[in-house]
Amino acid sequence: MSLETSYFYDMDKNWINYETEKKMSIREKLMNAFRSHAQGHIDKHVANVEVYLHNPVGVGEHPDIMEAIEMEMEEVAKYHDMLEMLDKYFVNDPTNGNR
């Protein structure tokens, strides 16, 4: 399969072919990369919370499990807020001058 006919799955659960991806602007590529980066951090910190909730005995370096969960949730909130800001201020919107 050649590169032009190859497909990948994006963060919005859409199949995109590489030909379409090559036509994306640098802005779109950066926004997609940032979205993927932030979502990856969210997934990581949610997984950590799940470990604490389901097996707190197995996490020896955190004697205060609640504090550890709180720290993980703060990271989830930080990246969630960043995604909201991306959608609010940087998506194509005719009212904001098509930034």
Protein backbone atom coordinates (compact mmCIF):
# COMPACT_ATOMS: atom_id res chain seq x y z
CA MET A 1 0.00 0.00 0.00
CA SER A 2 1.47 3.34 -0.99
CA LEU A 3 1.67 6.28 1.37
CA GLU A 4 -0.97 8.19 -0.61
CA THR A 5 -3.55 5.43 -0.13
CA SER A 6 -2.74 4.73 3.52
CA TYR A 7 -5.21 5.72 6.19
CA PHE A 8 -4.96 6.54 9.87
CA TYR A 9 -7.48 7.04 12.65
CA ASP A 10 -7.58 10.55 14.12
CA MET A 11 -8.57 11.72 17.63
CA ASP A 12 -12.14 12.41 16.51
CA LYS A 13 -12.50 8.78 15.42
CA ASN A 14 -12.47 9.58 11.72
CA TRP A 15 -10.50 7.74 9.09
CA ILE A 16 -8.17 10.15 7.31
CA ASN A 17 -6.01 9.30 4.33
CA TYR A 18 -2.49 10.62 4.05
CA GLU A 19 -3.34 12.60 0.91
CA THR A 20 -5.94 14.56 2.89
CA GLU A 21 -3.50 14.95 5.77
CA LYS A 22 -0.86 16.42 3.46
CA LYS A 23 -3.35 19.13 2.44
CA MET A 24 -3.93 20.19 6.05
CA SER A 25 -2.51 23.53 7.04
CA ILE A 26 0.30 23.78 9.56
CA ARG A 27 -2.25 25.33 11.92
CA GLU A 28 -4.55 22.31 11.64
CA LYS A 29 -1.65 19.91 12.13
CA LEU A 30 -0.46 21.77 15.22
CA MET A 31 -3.95 21.93 16.68
CA ASN A 32 -4.45 18.19 16.07
CA ALA A 33 -1.06 17.43 17.59
CA PHE A 34 -1.83 19.52 20.66
CA ARG A 35 -5.23 17.86 21.03
CA SER A 36 -3.59 14.41 20.85
CA HIS A 37 -0.90 15.47 23.33
CA ALA A 38 -3.42 16.80 25.87
CA GLN A 39 -5.71 13.79 25.49
CA GLY A 40 -2.74 11.48 26.03
CA HIS A 41 -1.95 13.22 29.31
CA ILE A 42 -5.59 12.99 30.39
CA ASP A 43 -5.65 9.27 29.61
CA LYS A 44 -2.42 8.72 31.57
CA HIS A 45 -3.62 10.54 34.68
CA VAL A 46 -7.07 8.90 34.58
CA ALA A 47 -5.34 5.52 34.41
CA ASN A 48 -3.26 6.44 37.46
CA VAL A 49 -6.42 7.36 39.40
CA GLU A 50 -7.98 4.05 38.39
CA VAL A 51 -4.92 2.22 39.77
CA TYR A 52 -5.21 4.10 43.05
CA LEU A 53 -8.93 3.37 43.30
CA HIS A 54 -8.72 -0.31 42.44
CA ASN A 55 -5.40 -1.24 44.06
CA PRO A 56 -4.22 1.40 46.54
CA VAL A 57 -2.13 -1.15 48.46
CA GLY A 58 0.07 -1.67 45.41
CA VAL A 59 1.22 1.94 45.31
CA GLY A 60 3.91 2.03 47.97
CA GLU A 61 5.49 5.40 47.21
CA HIS A 62 2.25 7.25 48.04
CA PRO A 63 1.33 6.83 51.70
CA ASP A 64 -1.45 9.40 51.32
CA ILE A 65 -3.61 7.91 48.55
CA MET A 66 -6.12 10.78 48.64
CA GLU A 67 -3.35 13.32 48.10
CA ALA A 68 -2.01 11.27 45.20
CA ILE A 69 -5.50 11.07 43.64
CA GLU A 70 -5.93 14.81 44.09
CA MET A 71 -2.64 15.50 42.32
CA GLU A 72 -3.65 13.26 39.41
CA MET A 73 -7.06 14.92 39.17
CA GLU A 74 -5.41 18.36 39.08
CA GLU A 75 -3.43 17.19 36.05
CA VAL A 76 -6.61 15.87 34.38
CA ALA A 77 -8.32 19.21 35.02
CA LYS A 78 -5.34 21.15 33.65
CA TYR A 79 -5.31 19.31 30.33
CA HIS A 80 -9.11 19.26 30.13
CA ASP A 81 -9.12 23.04 30.55
CA MET A 82 -6.51 23.36 27.81
CA LEU A 83 -8.71 21.38 25.42
CA GLU A 84 -11.68 23.58 26.28
CA MET A 85 -9.61 26.69 25.63
CA LEU A 86 -8.47 25.27 22.31
CA ASP A 87 -12.07 24.69 21.28
CA LYS A 88 -13.28 28.05 22.56
CA TYR A 89 -10.58 30.35 21.22
CA PHE A 90 -8.83 28.58 18.36
CA VAL A 91 -11.36 26.63 16.32
CA ASN A 92 -12.54 28.11 13.05
CA ASP A 93 -15.39 30.38 13.99
CA PRO A 94 -16.74 33.14 11.74
CA THR A 95 -17.30 35.38 14.77
CA ASN A 96 -13.62 35.44 15.75
CA GLY A 97 -12.16 36.31 12.36
CA ASN A 98 -11.47 32.71 11.28
CA ARG A 99 -8.32 32.48 13.30
